[in-house]
Amino acid sequence: MRASVIQIAVNEDESVEARRRRVAATVREQAGADLVVLPELWTTGAFAYEEFGREAEPLEGPTYEAMAKAASDAGVWLHAGSIPERDPDGPLYNTSLVFSPSGDLAAAYRKIHRFGFDKGEAVLMGAGSELVTVRLPETTLGLSTCYDLRFPELYRGLVDAGAETLVVSAGWPERRRSHWTLLAQARAVENQSFLLACATAGTHAGVPQAGHSIVVDPWGEVLAQAGAGEEVLTVEFDPGKVAATREQFPALKDRMLGLQPPRRP
C-alpha cells in the first residue's frame, strides 16, 4: 500500500482560498497513491482561534467540494485533514473528512478531545462523541485529530472497532515536538498498528509548527519522517503486517481491563 502524507505549510501571508487551490493541486499530483493524508485545520491554522468563526464552513462547503474533486481527479482515498465545521443547529466542530477515489464522502470525524485548557479550541468548538473507522480495500483506518494523540483509550477503542491503520491529522506546535514523535510511536506499538501522523509546517498566530510528519509500523519502527518544512512524505507499507504482528506477539489478547464488568465483592 502506498501513502502520501502531505505536510502543508500554513502561513498568514497566504489566503485560505489560495491555500485551498494549492493543496487541491498537490493532492492531484499524488495519483498512483492508495491513500493521501492532510493535516488538521490547514485552511486556517490550528492555533488561529480568531479565524475559526470567520472561516467556518458547512460540512459540504468549499473545502469539501475542492477535496472531493481532487480525490476523484487523482483516484485516491483522501483523508482531507480537518475543517472548522459550522453545524447549522449547534457549535463549531473540528471535523475531518475522508473521501473515496470516486469523490464521495466516506466518513466525517468530529474531534473528541479539544485542546486549550478552557480557552481556545476547548471553548470555541464542540466535542465530537463518536469513534470513526473507514474500511479501505487494503486496511481499516481509525481516525483521530492532534490532541487525541494524548489519550490512549481512544485508540484502543478504534482497534476494538477494527482499525489496523491509525491516522492522526494534526497542527502540533514545535515546542512539544518531542512528544509528537514519542506518542506516535507509543500509539503504534501498544495497538500493534500502523500509524500515519500528518502535521502542519510554517508559523501561524505566532506559533511555530512542528512539522515532522511520521509513519510508524506496528513494532514502533519509523518508516519515514518529514523535516520541518512543507513536504510530501511518501511511503509504502504492507497492511498484512498488522495481523502478522498481532499473531506473532499477541499482547492485545492479554488485556484485563475494560473487557469485562467488574466483579462483585
Protein backbone atom coordinates (compact mmCIF):
# COMPACT_ATOMS: atom_id res chain seq x y z
CA MET A 1 0.00 0.00 0.00
CA ARG A 2 1.32 3.43 -0.93
CA ALA A 3 0.51 6.50 1.16
CA SER A 4 1.32 10.17 0.63
CA VAL A 5 1.36 12.31 3.77
CA ILE A 6 1.21 15.97 2.74
CA GLN A 7 2.76 18.29 5.30
CA ILE A 8 1.26 21.66 4.42
CA ALA A 9 2.84 24.98 5.43
CA VAL A 10 0.19 27.21 6.99
CA ASN A 11 1.40 30.80 6.97
CA GLU A 12 -0.53 34.03 7.45
CA ASP A 13 0.61 35.60 4.16
CA GLU A 14 -1.49 33.14 2.10
CA SER A 15 -5.27 33.40 1.84
CA VAL A 16 -7.49 30.47 2.66
CA GLU A 17 -8.74 30.30 -0.92
CA ALA A 18 -5.21 30.35 -2.37
CA ARG A 19 -4.13 27.61 0.03
CA ARG A 20 -7.20 25.55 -0.84
CA ARG A 21 -6.32 25.71 -4.56
CA ARG A 22 -2.67 24.88 -3.87
CA VAL A 23 -3.50 21.89 -1.68
CA ALA A 24 -6.01 20.55 -4.21
CA ALA A 25 -3.32 20.69 -6.90
CA THR A 26 -0.87 18.86 -4.62
CA VAL A 27 -3.44 16.13 -3.95
CA ARG A 28 -3.92 15.66 -7.71
CA GLU A 29 -0.17 15.15 -8.05
CA GLN A 30 -0.44 12.07 -5.82
CA ALA A 31 -2.23 10.00 -8.48
CA GLY A 32 -1.00 6.43 -8.07
CA ALA A 33 -1.09 6.51 -4.27
CA ASP A 34 -3.68 4.44 -2.41
CA LEU A 35 -4.10 6.93 0.43
CA VAL A 36 -3.36 10.65 0.80
CA VAL A 37 -3.42 12.38 4.20
CA LEU A 38 -3.62 16.12 5.01
CA PRO A 39 -3.13 17.88 8.38
CA GLU A 40 -5.53 19.45 10.86
CA LEU A 41 -7.23 22.80 10.14
CA TRP A 42 -4.88 23.56 7.26
CA THR A 43 -7.27 26.16 5.87
CA THR A 44 -6.99 28.42 8.94
CA GLY A 45 -4.24 27.06 11.16
CA ALA A 46 -4.93 25.11 14.34
CA PHE A 47 -3.89 27.99 16.62
CA ALA A 48 -5.57 30.81 14.67
CA TYR A 49 -8.53 30.83 17.05
CA GLU A 50 -9.81 34.19 15.86
CA GLU A 51 -10.18 32.75 12.35
CA PHE A 52 -12.36 29.78 13.33
CA GLY A 53 -15.63 31.67 13.28
CA ARG A 54 -14.79 33.76 10.21
CA GLU A 55 -13.63 30.81 8.11
CA ALA A 56 -16.03 28.15 9.41
CA GLU A 57 -17.94 26.39 6.66
CA PRO A 58 -20.76 23.87 6.42
CA LEU A 59 -19.75 20.25 6.05
CA GLU A 60 -20.37 20.37 2.30
CA GLY A 61 -18.72 23.75 1.86
CA PRO A 62 -15.86 24.95 -0.37
CA THR A 63 -13.19 22.70 1.18
CA TYR A 64 -15.47 19.68 0.87
CA GLU A 65 -16.09 20.46 -2.79
CA ALA A 66 -12.42 21.10 -3.61
CA MET A 67 -11.18 17.98 -1.84
CA ALA A 68 -13.91 15.73 -3.24
CA LYS A 69 -12.93 16.77 -6.75
CA ALA A 70 -9.21 16.41 -6.04
CA ALA A 71 -9.72 12.88 -4.69
CA SER A 72 -11.76 11.95 -7.75
CA ASP A 73 -9.27 13.50 -10.17
CA ALA A 74 -6.35 11.66 -8.55
CA GLY A 75 -8.29 8.43 -7.97
CA VAL A 76 -7.14 8.20 -4.34
CA TRP A 77 -8.59 7.71 -0.89
CA LEU A 78 -8.16 11.14 0.68
CA HIS A 79 -8.11 11.99 4.35
CA ALA A 80 -8.59 15.70 3.72
CA GLY A 81 -7.47 16.81 7.17
CA SER A 82 -9.97 18.82 9.18
CA ILE A 83 -12.02 21.97 8.74
CA PRO A 84 -13.77 24.32 11.16
CA GLU A 85 -17.27 22.98 10.52
CA ARG A 86 -20.29 25.15 11.23
CA ASP A 87 -23.23 22.99 12.20
CA PRO A 88 -26.47 24.89 11.49
CA ASP A 89 -28.01 23.51 14.70
CA GLY A 90 -25.05 23.77 17.05
CA PRO A 91 -21.48 24.92 17.70
CA LEU A 92 -18.42 24.76 15.52
CA TYR A 93 -16.62 21.43 15.25
CA ASN A 94 -13.10 20.42 14.25
CA THR A 95 -14.19 17.93 11.61
CA SER A 96 -12.08 15.59 9.49
CA LEU A 97 -13.29 14.45 6.07
CA VAL A 98 -12.42 11.24 4.22
CA PHE A 99 -13.23 10.84 0.53
CA SER A 100 -13.26 7.74 -1.65
CA PRO A 101 -11.48 7.61 -5.05
CA SER A 102 -14.81 8.47 -6.67
CA GLY A 103 -15.02 11.70 -4.64
CA ASP A 104 -17.81 10.50 -2.35
CA LEU A 105 -17.67 11.30 1.36
CA ALA A 106 -16.72 8.06 3.13
CA ALA A 107 -16.56 9.42 6.68
CA ALA A 108 -16.55 12.54 8.84
CA TYR A 109 -14.97 12.60 12.29
CA ARG A 110 -15.57 15.37 14.83
CA LYS A 111 -12.55 15.74 17.10
CA ILE A 112 -13.32 14.41 20.56
CA HIS A 113 -10.51 15.92 22.66
CA ARG A 114 -10.31 19.69 22.21
CA PHE A 115 -7.09 21.49 23.12
CA GLY A 116 -6.85 24.67 25.16
CA PHE A 117 -7.48 24.06 28.89
CA ASP A 118 -10.71 26.08 28.99
CA LYS A 119 -9.70 28.52 26.26
CA GLY A 120 -9.09 28.48 22.51
CA GLU A 121 -10.43 25.41 20.74
CA ALA A 122 -11.73 23.97 24.01
CA VAL A 123 -14.34 26.73 24.32
CA LEU A 124 -14.82 27.72 20.67
CA MET A 125 -15.63 24.27 19.34
CA GLY A 126 -17.93 21.47 20.38
CA ALA A 127 -16.66 18.00 21.19
CA GLY A 128 -17.35 15.02 19.00
CA SER A 129 -18.62 11.84 20.62
CA GLU A 130 -18.21 9.04 18.09
CA LEU A 131 -15.22 6.90 17.14
CA VAL A 132 -14.88 6.60 13.36
CA THR A 133 -13.27 3.90 11.24
CA VAL A 134 -13.14 3.67 7.45
CA ARG A 135 -12.77 0.43 5.53
CA LEU A 136 -10.38 0.63 2.56
CA PRO A 137 -9.67 -2.32 0.26
CA GLU A 138 -6.28 -2.84 1.92
CA THR A 139 -6.88 -1.86 5.56
CA THR A 140 -9.26 -0.25 8.04
CA LEU A 141 -8.42 3.29 9.09
CA GLY A 142 -9.04 4.65 12.58
CA LEU A 143 -9.43 8.44 12.63
CA SER A 144 -8.08 10.89 15.20
CA THR A 145 -7.00 14.52 15.39
CA CYS A 146 -4.00 16.15 17.07
CA TYR A 147 -4.67 16.38 20.85
CA ASP A 148 -6.45 13.00 20.63
CA LEU A 149 -2.94 11.52 20.39
CA ARG A 150 -2.51 12.03 24.14
CA PHE A 151 -5.48 9.81 25.02
CA PRO A 152 -4.64 6.11 24.52
CA GLU A 153 -8.14 4.91 25.32
CA LEU A 154 -9.41 6.46 22.08
CA TYR A 155 -7.00 4.34 20.04
CA ARG A 156 -7.83 1.18 21.94
CA GLY A 157 -11.46 1.86 21.10
CA LEU A 158 -10.56 2.24 17.43
CA VAL A 159 -8.71 -1.07 17.47
CA ASP A 160 -11.71 -2.74 19.10
CA ALA A 161 -13.75 -1.33 16.20
CA GLY A 162 -11.43 -3.00 13.69
CA ALA A 163 -8.79 -0.35 12.99
CA GLU A 164 -5.47 -1.57 11.63
CA THR A 165 -4.01 1.74 10.43
CA LEU A 166 -4.32 4.76 12.73
CA VAL A 167 -4.39 8.19 11.09
CA VAL A 168 -3.61 11.38 13.01
CA SER A 169 -4.26 14.76 11.40
CA ALA A 170 -2.55 17.48 13.43
CA GLY A 171 -1.39 21.04 13.90
CA TRP A 172 1.24 20.26 16.55
CA PRO A 173 3.46 23.03 17.99
CA GLU A 174 7.23 22.92 17.59
CA ARG A 175 7.81 23.43 21.31
CA ARG A 176 6.34 19.97 22.02
CA ARG A 177 7.75 18.13 19.00
CA SER A 178 9.49 15.50 21.15
CA HIS A 179 6.07 14.47 22.50
CA TRP A 180 4.75 14.17 18.92
CA THR A 181 7.29 11.54 17.93
CA LEU A 182 7.16 9.71 21.26
CA LEU A 183 3.36 9.47 21.33
CA ALA A 184 3.12 8.43 17.68
CA GLN A 185 5.44 5.51 18.30
CA ALA A 186 3.69 4.60 21.56
CA ARG A 187 0.22 4.52 19.95
CA ALA A 188 1.54 2.30 17.13
CA VAL A 189 3.29 -0.13 19.49
CA GLU A 190 0.56 -0.50 22.09
CA ASN A 191 -2.11 -1.07 19.42
CA GLN A 192 0.10 -3.13 17.09
CA SER A 193 -0.99 -0.95 14.20
CA PHE A 194 0.49 1.24 11.52
CA LEU A 195 0.23 4.93 12.36
CA LEU A 196 0.30 7.79 9.85
CA ALA A 197 0.57 11.21 11.51
CA CYS A 198 0.37 14.34 9.35
CA ALA A 199 1.28 17.72 10.83
CA THR A 200 1.43 21.28 9.55
CA ALA A 201 4.59 23.28 8.89
CA GLY A 202 5.09 27.06 8.96
CA THR A 203 4.01 29.58 11.61
CA HIS A 204 0.54 30.97 12.25
CA ALA A 205 -0.90 33.01 15.11
CA GLY A 206 2.69 33.33 16.33
CA VAL A 207 3.01 29.58 16.92
CA PRO A 208 5.79 27.74 15.02
CA GLN A 209 4.56 24.34 13.88
CA ALA A 210 6.39 21.09 14.48
CA GLY A 211 6.18 19.53 11.03
CA HIS A 212 7.98 16.17 11.20
CA SER A 213 5.03 14.12 9.99
CA ILE A 214 5.73 10.48 10.69
CA VAL A 215 4.80 6.94 9.62
CA VAL A 216 5.33 4.16 12.19
CA ASP A 217 4.91 0.39 11.84
CA PRO A 218 3.29 -1.98 14.41
CA TRP A 219 6.65 -2.59 16.09
CA GLY A 220 7.27 1.13 16.58
CA GLU A 221 9.83 1.41 13.79
CA VAL A 222 9.79 4.75 12.00
CA LEU A 223 9.30 4.04 8.30
CA ALA A 224 9.55 7.67 7.24
CA GLN A 225 9.62 11.12 8.80
CA ALA A 226 9.46 14.58 7.26
CA GLY A 227 11.53 17.59 8.20
CA ALA A 228 10.33 20.96 9.42
CA GLY A 229 9.13 22.47 6.13
CA GLU A 230 6.43 21.74 3.60
CA GLU A 231 6.93 18.26 2.21
CA VAL A 232 5.18 15.25 0.68
CA LEU A 233 6.17 12.15 2.62
CA THR A 234 5.60 9.02 0.50
CA VAL A 235 5.85 5.56 1.99
CA GLU A 236 4.96 2.01 1.01
CA PHE A 237 3.90 -0.49 3.67
CA ASP A 238 2.28 -3.90 3.90
CA PRO A 239 -1.03 -3.75 5.82
CA GLY A 240 -0.78 -7.52 6.32
CA LYS A 241 1.98 -6.86 8.85
CA VAL A 242 -0.66 -5.84 11.40
CA ALA A 243 -2.27 -9.29 11.54
CA ALA A 244 1.14 -10.96 11.46
CA THR A 245 2.39 -8.84 14.37
CA ARG A 246 -0.72 -9.44 16.45
CA GLU A 247 -0.38 -13.20 15.86
CA GLN A 248 3.37 -13.31 16.50
CA PHE A 249 3.16 -11.21 19.68
CA PRO A 250 -0.47 -11.45 20.83
CA ALA A 251 -0.31 -8.82 23.58
CA LEU A 252 -3.78 -7.49 22.80
CA LYS A 253 -5.24 -10.84 23.81
CA ASP A 254 -3.85 -10.43 27.31
CA ARG A 255 -5.84 -7.31 28.11
CA MET A 256 -7.52 -7.48 31.51
CA LEU A 257 -9.11 -4.03 31.93
CA GLY A 258 -12.09 -2.65 30.08
CA LEU A 259 -13.19 -6.01 28.70
CA GLN A 260 -15.34 -7.44 31.48
CA PRO A 261 -17.77 -5.97 34.03
CA PRO A 262 -16.22 -5.54 37.49
CA ARG A 263 -16.59 -8.44 39.89
CA ARG A 264 -18.98 -8.01 42.76
CA PRO A 265 -17.37 -8.10 46.21
